[in-house]
Amino acid sequence: MKRFVFHPTRWLLGLALCHALPASAADAGLTPAERDAMVLTARSATAEHLGLQQGPVLQLEALRTQDDWAFLTARLRDANNGQRFDYAGTDQHAAAQAGAKSDRCVALLQRQSDGAWKVVALAVGPTDVAWQGWAAQYQAPAALLP
């Protein structure tokens, strides 16, 4: 497993992109720190999924929460320039070149007993509704997932 490497400049760019869009109505009760923790957890899982030390920045589109569950949708952005993420250097590059990868990331997260968030399910670059069965599969609230 590759290690996540913390880069302050890229982290700040990531946070700026996270806050570039208004919070959705479903996450109105979250503090910015809670929202950032969820996004950074999903970003770390995305980097690991792609086999990268430094994964793409997640530009938050929507974050819905219910009880100890969260559903996040984001756009993948290049950590260096904020542009659309290029899958070059990953095992998914050929699929992306063929149009079989989107610039979207969706994640189902669950709050652990220590308060930390864990990614339960992740879809990086889905071109369909990858999360369709997640509520039943992971016993998450059905109303949480669109």
N, C-alpha and C. Protein backbone atom coordinates (compact mmCIF):
# COMPACT_ATOMS: atom_id res chain seq x y z
N MET A 1 0.84 -1.17 0.00
CA MET A 1 0.00 0.00 0.00
C MET A 1 0.89 1.24 0.00
N LYS A 2 0.56 2.20 -0.83
CA LYS A 2 1.32 3.43 -0.89
C LYS A 2 0.88 4.38 0.21
N ARG A 3 1.82 5.18 0.69
CA ARG A 3 1.52 6.12 1.76
C ARG A 3 1.02 7.44 1.19
N PHE A 4 0.10 8.02 1.92
CA PHE A 4 -0.39 9.35 1.58
C PHE A 4 0.64 10.36 2.08
N VAL A 5 1.11 11.22 1.20
CA VAL A 5 2.11 12.23 1.55
C VAL A 5 1.42 13.58 1.66
N PHE A 6 1.58 14.21 2.79
CA PHE A 6 0.95 15.50 3.05
C PHE A 6 1.79 16.61 2.43
N HIS A 7 1.19 17.42 1.56
CA HIS A 7 1.83 18.58 0.95
C HIS A 7 1.00 19.80 1.32
N PRO A 8 1.51 20.70 2.18
CA PRO A 8 0.72 21.84 2.64
C PRO A 8 0.11 22.67 1.52
N THR A 9 0.86 22.94 0.46
CA THR A 9 0.36 23.78 -0.61
C THR A 9 -0.80 23.10 -1.33
N ARG A 10 -0.64 21.83 -1.61
CA ARG A 10 -1.71 21.09 -2.29
C ARG A 10 -2.92 20.92 -1.38
N TRP A 11 -2.68 20.75 -0.09
CA TRP A 11 -3.77 20.63 0.88
C TRP A 11 -4.59 21.91 0.89
N LEU A 12 -3.91 23.05 0.88
CA LEU A 12 -4.63 24.33 0.87
C LEU A 12 -5.42 24.51 -0.41
N LEU A 13 -4.84 24.09 -1.55
CA LEU A 13 -5.57 24.15 -2.82
C LEU A 13 -6.80 23.27 -2.72
N GLY A 14 -6.65 22.08 -2.13
CA GLY A 14 -7.78 21.17 -1.96
C GLY A 14 -8.87 21.78 -1.12
N LEU A 15 -8.50 22.42 -0.02
CA LEU A 15 -9.50 23.05 0.84
C LEU A 15 -10.18 24.20 0.11
N ALA A 16 -9.42 24.95 -0.67
CA ALA A 16 -10.02 26.05 -1.42
C ALA A 16 -11.04 25.51 -2.42
N LEU A 17 -10.72 24.41 -3.08
CA LEU A 17 -11.67 23.82 -4.02
C LEU A 17 -12.88 23.25 -3.29
N CYS A 18 -12.67 22.70 -2.10
CA CYS A 18 -13.79 22.16 -1.32
C CYS A 18 -14.78 23.26 -0.99
N HIS A 19 -14.29 24.45 -0.71
CA HIS A 19 -15.16 25.54 -0.31
C HIS A 19 -15.59 26.43 -1.48
N ALA A 20 -15.21 26.04 -2.69
CA ALA A 20 -15.58 26.85 -3.85
C ALA A 20 -17.08 26.75 -4.14
N LEU A 21 -17.69 25.67 -3.70
CA LEU A 21 -19.11 25.49 -3.91
C LEU A 21 -19.83 25.59 -2.58
N PRO A 22 -21.04 26.10 -2.57
CA PRO A 22 -21.79 26.17 -1.31
C PRO A 22 -22.15 24.77 -0.83
N ALA A 23 -22.29 24.64 0.47
CA ALA A 23 -22.70 23.36 1.04
C ALA A 23 -24.13 23.07 0.61
N SER A 24 -24.41 21.80 0.39
CA SER A 24 -25.78 21.44 0.05
C SER A 24 -26.65 21.54 1.28
N ALA A 25 -27.94 21.60 1.08
CA ALA A 25 -28.86 21.73 2.20
C ALA A 25 -28.74 20.56 3.15
N ALA A 26 -28.38 19.38 2.64
CA ALA A 26 -28.31 18.20 3.47
C ALA A 26 -27.15 18.23 4.46
N ASP A 27 -26.13 19.03 4.20
CA ASP A 27 -25.00 19.07 5.13
C ASP A 27 -24.92 20.41 5.86
N ALA A 28 -26.01 21.13 5.91
CA ALA A 28 -26.03 22.46 6.52
C ALA A 28 -25.60 22.44 7.98
N GLY A 29 -25.78 21.31 8.70
CA GLY A 29 -25.41 21.24 10.10
C GLY A 29 -23.96 20.91 10.35
N LEU A 30 -23.20 20.64 9.32
CA LEU A 30 -21.80 20.28 9.47
C LEU A 30 -20.94 21.53 9.62
N THR A 31 -19.90 21.41 10.43
CA THR A 31 -18.91 22.49 10.51
C THR A 31 -17.97 22.35 9.32
N PRO A 32 -17.27 23.41 8.95
CA PRO A 32 -16.28 23.29 7.88
C PRO A 32 -15.22 22.22 8.19
N ALA A 33 -14.82 22.09 9.45
CA ALA A 33 -13.82 21.10 9.83
C ALA A 33 -14.34 19.68 9.60
N GLU A 34 -15.61 19.45 9.93
CA GLU A 34 -16.20 18.12 9.70
C GLU A 34 -16.27 17.81 8.21
N ARG A 35 -16.70 18.79 7.44
CA ARG A 35 -16.79 18.61 6.00
C ARG A 35 -15.40 18.35 5.41
N ASP A 36 -14.41 19.11 5.84
CA ASP A 36 -13.05 18.93 5.35
C ASP A 36 -12.52 17.54 5.69
N ALA A 37 -12.82 17.06 6.90
CA ALA A 37 -12.36 15.73 7.32
C ALA A 37 -12.94 14.65 6.42
N MET A 38 -14.20 14.78 6.06
CA MET A 38 -14.83 13.80 5.17
C MET A 38 -14.21 13.85 3.78
N VAL A 39 -14.00 15.04 3.26
CA VAL A 39 -13.43 15.19 1.93
C VAL A 39 -11.99 14.66 1.90
N LEU A 40 -11.21 14.96 2.92
CA LEU A 40 -9.83 14.49 2.95
C LEU A 40 -9.75 12.98 3.12
N THR A 41 -10.69 12.40 3.85
CA THR A 41 -10.75 10.94 3.98
C THR A 41 -11.06 10.31 2.63
N ALA A 42 -12.03 10.87 1.92
CA ALA A 42 -12.37 10.36 0.59
C ALA A 42 -11.22 10.57 -0.38
N ARG A 43 -10.52 11.68 -0.26
CA ARG A 43 -9.38 11.95 -1.15
C ARG A 43 -8.27 10.93 -0.93
N SER A 44 -7.99 10.60 0.32
CA SER A 44 -6.96 9.62 0.63
C SER A 44 -7.34 8.25 0.06
N ALA A 45 -8.61 7.87 0.19
CA ALA A 45 -9.08 6.60 -0.37
C ALA A 45 -9.00 6.61 -1.89
N THR A 46 -9.27 7.76 -2.49
CA THR A 46 -9.18 7.89 -3.95
C THR A 46 -7.74 7.72 -4.41
N ALA A 47 -6.81 8.34 -3.71
CA ALA A 47 -5.39 8.20 -4.05
C ALA A 47 -4.96 6.74 -3.97
N GLU A 48 -5.37 6.07 -2.90
CA GLU A 48 -5.02 4.66 -2.73
C GLU A 48 -5.63 3.82 -3.85
N HIS A 49 -6.89 4.09 -4.17
CA HIS A 49 -7.58 3.36 -5.24
C HIS A 49 -6.84 3.51 -6.57
N LEU A 50 -6.34 4.70 -6.83
CA LEU A 50 -5.64 4.97 -8.09
C LEU A 50 -4.17 4.57 -8.05
N GLY A 51 -3.67 4.17 -6.88
CA GLY A 51 -2.27 3.78 -6.76
C GLY A 51 -1.32 4.96 -6.81
N LEU A 52 -1.77 6.11 -6.34
CA LEU A 52 -0.97 7.33 -6.36
C LEU A 52 -0.59 7.74 -4.95
N GLN A 53 0.59 8.34 -4.81
CA GLN A 53 0.96 8.89 -3.51
C GLN A 53 0.14 10.12 -3.21
N GLN A 54 -0.04 10.95 -4.21
CA GLN A 54 -0.82 12.18 -4.07
C GLN A 54 -1.98 12.08 -5.03
N GLY A 55 -3.16 11.89 -4.51
CA GLY A 55 -4.33 11.75 -5.36
C GLY A 55 -4.86 13.08 -5.83
N PRO A 56 -5.88 13.02 -6.65
CA PRO A 56 -6.50 14.25 -7.13
C PRO A 56 -7.22 14.98 -6.01
N VAL A 57 -7.41 16.26 -6.19
CA VAL A 57 -8.22 17.06 -5.28
C VAL A 57 -9.67 16.73 -5.57
N LEU A 58 -10.49 16.69 -4.54
CA LEU A 58 -11.91 16.46 -4.72
C LEU A 58 -12.64 17.79 -4.60
N GLN A 59 -13.24 18.23 -5.69
CA GLN A 59 -14.03 19.46 -5.68
C GLN A 59 -15.45 19.06 -5.31
N LEU A 60 -15.82 19.36 -4.09
CA LEU A 60 -17.09 18.92 -3.53
C LEU A 60 -18.27 19.46 -4.31
N GLU A 61 -19.16 18.56 -4.70
CA GLU A 61 -20.42 18.95 -5.35
C GLU A 61 -21.57 18.87 -4.36
N ALA A 62 -21.64 17.78 -3.63
CA ALA A 62 -22.71 17.59 -2.65
C ALA A 62 -22.23 16.67 -1.55
N LEU A 63 -22.74 16.91 -0.37
CA LEU A 63 -22.43 16.07 0.78
C LEU A 63 -23.71 15.95 1.59
N ARG A 64 -24.22 14.74 1.64
CA ARG A 64 -25.46 14.48 2.37
C ARG A 64 -25.12 13.65 3.59
N THR A 65 -25.71 13.97 4.72
CA THR A 65 -25.46 13.22 5.95
C THR A 65 -26.77 12.80 6.60
N GLN A 66 -26.71 11.67 7.26
CA GLN A 66 -27.82 11.20 8.06
C GLN A 66 -27.24 10.28 9.13
N ASP A 67 -27.51 10.62 10.38
CA ASP A 67 -26.98 9.86 11.51
C ASP A 67 -25.45 9.77 11.38
N ASP A 68 -24.91 8.57 11.37
CA ASP A 68 -23.46 8.38 11.26
C ASP A 68 -23.02 8.04 9.85
N TRP A 69 -23.80 8.44 8.86
CA TRP A 69 -23.51 8.15 7.47
C TRP A 69 -23.38 9.44 6.67
N ALA A 70 -22.58 9.36 5.61
CA ALA A 70 -22.43 10.50 4.69
C ALA A 70 -22.27 9.96 3.27
N PHE A 71 -22.83 10.70 2.32
CA PHE A 71 -22.68 10.38 0.91
C PHE A 71 -22.12 11.61 0.23
N LEU A 72 -20.98 11.45 -0.41
CA LEU A 72 -20.23 12.56 -0.99
C LEU A 72 -20.14 12.39 -2.50
N THR A 73 -20.37 13.46 -3.23
CA THR A 73 -20.10 13.48 -4.67
C THR A 73 -19.16 14.65 -4.93
N ALA A 74 -18.16 14.39 -5.77
CA ALA A 74 -17.15 15.41 -6.04
C ALA A 74 -16.60 15.22 -7.45
N ARG A 75 -15.98 16.26 -7.94
CA ARG A 75 -15.25 16.21 -9.22
C ARG A 75 -13.77 16.01 -8.92
N LEU A 76 -13.13 15.19 -9.72
CA LEU A 76 -11.69 14.96 -9.59
C LEU A 76 -10.95 16.10 -10.28
N ARG A 77 -10.04 16.73 -9.56
CA ARG A 77 -9.26 17.84 -10.11
C ARG A 77 -7.78 17.60 -9.86
N ASP A 78 -6.96 18.06 -10.79
CA ASP A 78 -5.51 17.93 -10.66
C ASP A 78 -5.04 18.73 -9.45
N ALA A 79 -4.20 18.11 -8.62
CA ALA A 79 -3.72 18.75 -7.39
C ALA A 79 -2.81 19.94 -7.68
N ASN A 80 -2.19 19.98 -8.85
CA ASN A 80 -1.25 21.06 -9.15
C ASN A 80 -1.90 22.29 -9.76
N ASN A 81 -2.94 22.08 -10.58
CA ASN A 81 -3.50 23.24 -11.28
C ASN A 81 -5.01 23.37 -11.20
N GLY A 82 -5.68 22.42 -10.54
CA GLY A 82 -7.13 22.51 -10.38
C GLY A 82 -7.92 22.14 -11.62
N GLN A 83 -7.25 21.74 -12.69
CA GLN A 83 -7.94 21.34 -13.92
C GLN A 83 -8.49 19.93 -13.78
N ARG A 84 -9.27 19.50 -14.76
CA ARG A 84 -9.82 18.14 -14.76
C ARG A 84 -8.69 17.13 -14.57
N PHE A 85 -8.92 16.13 -13.74
CA PHE A 85 -7.92 15.12 -13.44
C PHE A 85 -7.62 14.27 -14.66
N ASP A 86 -6.33 14.02 -14.91
CA ASP A 86 -5.87 13.16 -15.99
C ASP A 86 -5.42 11.85 -15.35
N TYR A 87 -5.95 10.76 -15.80
CA TYR A 87 -5.65 9.44 -15.23
C TYR A 87 -4.26 8.92 -15.61
N ALA A 88 -3.47 9.72 -16.32
CA ALA A 88 -2.12 9.29 -16.72
C ALA A 88 -1.34 8.87 -15.47
N GLY A 89 -0.60 7.77 -15.61
CA GLY A 89 0.17 7.27 -14.49
C GLY A 89 -0.61 6.31 -13.60
N THR A 90 -1.85 6.03 -13.98
CA THR A 90 -2.65 5.07 -13.22
C THR A 90 -2.99 3.89 -14.13
N ASP A 91 -3.45 2.81 -13.53
CA ASP A 91 -3.84 1.65 -14.34
C ASP A 91 -5.19 1.88 -15.03
N GLN A 92 -5.79 3.03 -14.80
CA GLN A 92 -7.08 3.35 -15.42
C GLN A 92 -6.95 4.35 -16.57
N HIS A 93 -5.73 4.65 -16.96
CA HIS A 93 -5.48 5.64 -18.01
C HIS A 93 -6.10 5.21 -19.35
N ALA A 94 -5.90 3.95 -19.73
CA ALA A 94 -6.44 3.48 -21.02
C ALA A 94 -7.96 3.57 -21.03
N ALA A 95 -8.59 3.20 -19.93
CA ALA A 95 -10.05 3.28 -19.84
C ALA A 95 -10.51 4.74 -19.95
N ALA A 96 -9.78 5.64 -19.32
CA ALA A 96 -10.12 7.07 -19.39
C ALA A 96 -9.97 7.58 -20.82
N GLN A 97 -8.91 7.16 -21.50
CA GLN A 97 -8.69 7.58 -22.88
C GLN A 97 -9.79 7.07 -23.80
N ALA A 98 -10.37 5.93 -23.44
CA ALA A 98 -11.45 5.34 -24.24
C ALA A 98 -12.82 5.90 -23.87
N GLY A 99 -12.85 6.82 -22.90
CA GLY A 99 -14.11 7.43 -22.49
C GLY A 99 -14.87 6.63 -21.44
N ALA A 100 -14.21 5.65 -20.84
CA ALA A 100 -14.88 4.79 -19.85
C ALA A 100 -14.66 5.25 -18.42
N LYS A 101 -14.16 6.48 -18.24
CA LYS A 101 -13.96 7.04 -16.91
C LYS A 101 -14.45 8.47 -16.91
N SER A 102 -15.17 8.84 -15.87
CA SER A 102 -15.63 10.21 -15.71
C SER A 102 -14.67 10.96 -14.80
N ASP A 103 -14.96 12.22 -14.56
CA ASP A 103 -14.15 13.00 -13.62
C ASP A 103 -14.87 13.12 -12.28
N ARG A 104 -15.71 12.15 -11.97
CA ARG A 104 -16.51 12.16 -10.74
C ARG A 104 -15.98 11.14 -9.74
N CYS A 105 -16.21 11.43 -8.49
CA CYS A 105 -15.91 10.52 -7.39
C CYS A 105 -17.12 10.52 -6.47
N VAL A 106 -17.56 9.33 -6.06
CA VAL A 106 -18.64 9.22 -5.09
C VAL A 106 -18.17 8.29 -3.97
N ALA A 107 -18.55 8.64 -2.75
CA ALA A 107 -18.11 7.85 -1.61
C ALA A 107 -19.22 7.77 -0.57
N LEU A 108 -19.32 6.61 0.04
CA LEU A 108 -20.19 6.39 1.18
C LEU A 108 -19.29 6.28 2.39
N LEU A 109 -19.50 7.15 3.36
CA LEU A 109 -18.67 7.17 4.56
C LEU A 109 -19.50 6.86 5.79
N GLN A 110 -18.84 6.29 6.80
CA GLN A 110 -19.51 6.02 8.06
C GLN A 110 -18.63 6.53 9.19
N ARG A 111 -19.27 7.21 10.16
CA ARG A 111 -18.53 7.71 11.32
C ARG A 111 -18.23 6.54 12.26
N GLN A 112 -16.98 6.44 12.69
CA GLN A 112 -16.55 5.38 13.59
C GLN A 112 -16.78 5.80 15.04
N SER A 113 -16.61 4.88 15.96
CA SER A 113 -16.86 5.17 17.38
C SER A 113 -15.93 6.25 17.92
N ASP A 114 -14.75 6.40 17.31
CA ASP A 114 -13.81 7.45 17.76
C ASP A 114 -14.08 8.80 17.09
N GLY A 115 -15.12 8.87 16.26
CA GLY A 115 -15.49 10.12 15.59
C GLY A 115 -14.88 10.29 14.22
N ALA A 116 -13.92 9.44 13.86
CA ALA A 116 -13.28 9.53 12.54
C ALA A 116 -14.22 8.95 11.49
N TRP A 117 -14.07 9.43 10.25
CA TRP A 117 -14.87 8.94 9.14
C TRP A 117 -14.11 7.89 8.37
N LYS A 118 -14.80 6.84 7.95
CA LYS A 118 -14.20 5.75 7.18
C LYS A 118 -14.96 5.61 5.87
N VAL A 119 -14.24 5.43 4.78
CA VAL A 119 -14.88 5.19 3.49
C VAL A 119 -15.32 3.74 3.45
N VAL A 120 -16.62 3.55 3.29
CA VAL A 120 -17.20 2.21 3.23
C VAL A 120 -17.27 1.73 1.79
N ALA A 121 -17.60 2.63 0.88
CA ALA A 121 -17.69 2.31 -0.54
C ALA A 121 -17.21 3.52 -1.34
N LEU A 122 -16.56 3.24 -2.45
CA LEU A 122 -15.96 4.30 -3.26
C LEU A 122 -16.09 3.95 -4.73
N ALA A 123 -16.47 4.92 -5.54
CA ALA A 123 -16.47 4.77 -6.99
C ALA A 123 -15.69 5.95 -7.57
N VAL A 124 -14.59 5.65 -8.22
CA VAL A 124 -13.74 6.67 -8.83
C VAL A 124 -13.92 6.60 -10.34
N GLY A 125 -14.42 7.68 -10.91
CA GLY A 125 -14.62 7.75 -12.36
C GLY A 125 -15.80 6.95 -12.87
N PRO A 126 -16.89 6.84 -12.09
CA PRO A 126 -18.01 6.03 -12.60
C PRO A 126 -18.68 6.69 -13.80
N THR A 127 -19.17 5.85 -14.68
CA THR A 127 -19.92 6.34 -15.83
C THR A 127 -21.38 5.92 -15.74
N ASP A 128 -21.73 5.31 -14.60
CA ASP A 128 -23.11 4.91 -14.36
C ASP A 128 -23.44 5.19 -12.89
N VAL A 129 -24.53 4.65 -12.40
CA VAL A 129 -24.96 4.88 -11.02
C VAL A 129 -24.34 3.77 -10.15
N ALA A 130 -23.07 3.90 -9.88
CA ALA A 130 -22.31 2.88 -9.16
C ALA A 130 -22.82 2.66 -7.74
N TRP A 131 -23.48 3.65 -7.17
CA TRP A 131 -23.92 3.59 -5.78
C TRP A 131 -25.33 3.03 -5.63
N GLN A 132 -25.92 2.55 -6.69
CA GLN A 132 -27.31 2.15 -6.68
C GLN A 132 -27.64 1.13 -5.59
N GLY A 133 -26.82 0.15 -5.33
CA GLY A 133 -27.12 -0.87 -4.33
C GLY A 133 -26.44 -0.66 -2.99
N TRP A 134 -25.76 0.46 -2.82
CA TRP A 134 -24.98 0.66 -1.59
C TRP A 134 -25.83 0.69 -0.32
N ALA A 135 -26.99 1.29 -0.35
CA ALA A 135 -27.83 1.38 0.86
C ALA A 135 -28.12 -0.01 1.40
N ALA A 136 -28.57 -0.91 0.55
CA ALA A 136 -28.88 -2.27 0.99
C ALA A 136 -27.61 -3.04 1.35
N GLN A 137 -26.59 -2.90 0.53
CA GLN A 137 -25.35 -3.67 0.75
C GLN A 137 -24.67 -3.31 2.06
N TYR A 138 -24.69 -2.02 2.44
CA TYR A 138 -23.97 -1.57 3.63
C TYR A 138 -24.91 -1.16 4.78
N GLN A 139 -26.19 -1.39 4.63
CA GLN A 139 -27.19 -1.03 5.63
C GLN A 139 -27.14 0.46 5.97
N ALA A 140 -26.96 1.26 4.94
CA ALA A 140 -26.96 2.73 5.08
C ALA A 140 -28.39 3.23 4.89
N PRO A 141 -28.71 4.40 5.40
CA PRO A 141 -30.07 4.94 5.20
C PRO A 141 -30.38 5.15 3.71
N ALA A 142 -31.47 4.56 3.27
CA ALA A 142 -31.83 4.63 1.85
C ALA A 142 -32.04 6.08 1.39
N ALA A 143 -32.55 6.93 2.26
CA ALA A 143 -32.82 8.31 1.89
C ALA A 143 -31.54 9.11 1.69
N LEU A 144 -30.43 8.60 2.15
CA LEU A 144 -29.15 9.30 2.02
C LEU A 144 -28.64 9.32 0.59
N LEU A 145 -28.85 8.21 -0.11
CA LEU A 145 -28.33 8.07 -1.47
C LEU A 145 -29.37 8.52 -2.48
N PRO A 146 -28.94 9.28 -3.49
CA PRO A 146 -29.89 9.76 -4.49
C PRO A 146 -30.41 8.62 -5.37
